[in-house]
């Protein structure tokens, strides 16, 4: 078995701490990766603290991974040692259901295998994520990272980037469209950058007036304070698409009424408690759509990475050593980061 050093949780109430664990040895179609950087997603915190009620301990979080290939199996054709690669939220899927056949592995009918806290198809054990020294992933779920991208700032693209890219592409956001982004956090700031690069007129909705300058820097054309009724009223019936990234329960009606006839609002934030149910008349009177979206398939994720390389798009990050991960969790709860923490995994070696 491959030895790995990482940071993880052994229960829901104690801080993350150093753990030593084993991964499977690379097989013929596997890629072994030395992890260089790992982004910190709110899902990591939810899982470490068992806020979704499905954590199997010990758990090693992290699914925004960029690293260097250290070894490949003898049937691997797309990667070689030394390549800079990425691993996102999935490391496997059944590969034979209709969703997998369409390149939509995130909707695998038999359940995709999460990069952490998932059931490993090869051994039946649990998967461990990117807060670690290395990882072994089947070739199909490894992604190319262009040398045009800063590898550290590219790490959050593997979750925050694809989570916002997939709905923007699915609902064909582009030139001539008016697009709203609700919330300016790890997801929202990527939504602004990507929608702007796709050519849309981008409007940020925020509860914080102080975020206007940063939003405009990121690519927003307008900023609306969502608590200001007059500002909200000025945009009624005008949006083609709204991407709602907020991970806290709130009124969806306030944004549904801003959509044009047949406009869509897609939810990508995942609150621990449900949103209040929207008024049905706000949907039926304009044939509006309320939808959801989950990350993206492997081909779509590669498309997003290539688009970002072409347009010079990466996440705005704050780099931290692994020893600061518990502090980062507390700061993340206070939205005290612009806009994604990334762990420099070289710091892990100082503990070994």
Foldseek 3Di string as FASTA:
>chain_A
DAKKWFWWAQAQPDDIDIDIDDDDDAEQQKWKWFWFKFWDDVVRNCQRNCLVVQHDPGAADTFLTWTFTCDHHNNHDPDDGGFIKTAGQFQAAPCPDPCNVVLFRCVHPVHTATQFRGQDPPPRHTHYHDRMRMDMGGNLRMAHFDPLADRHLASLCRALVQLLQVVCVVLVQAAPFEEEEEDDASNRLNNQLVSQLRHHQYEYEACDPVCFVVSVVSHHPYYANLVDPVSLVVQFQPGQEYEYADQAADAPLSVLRNHHQQHEYEYSHHHSDYHPDYDVCSCVVRVYYYYYDHRGGSVSSNVSSVSCSVVVDGADEDEDASVCVSVVSVCVVVCNTRYIYMHRSVNVVVVD
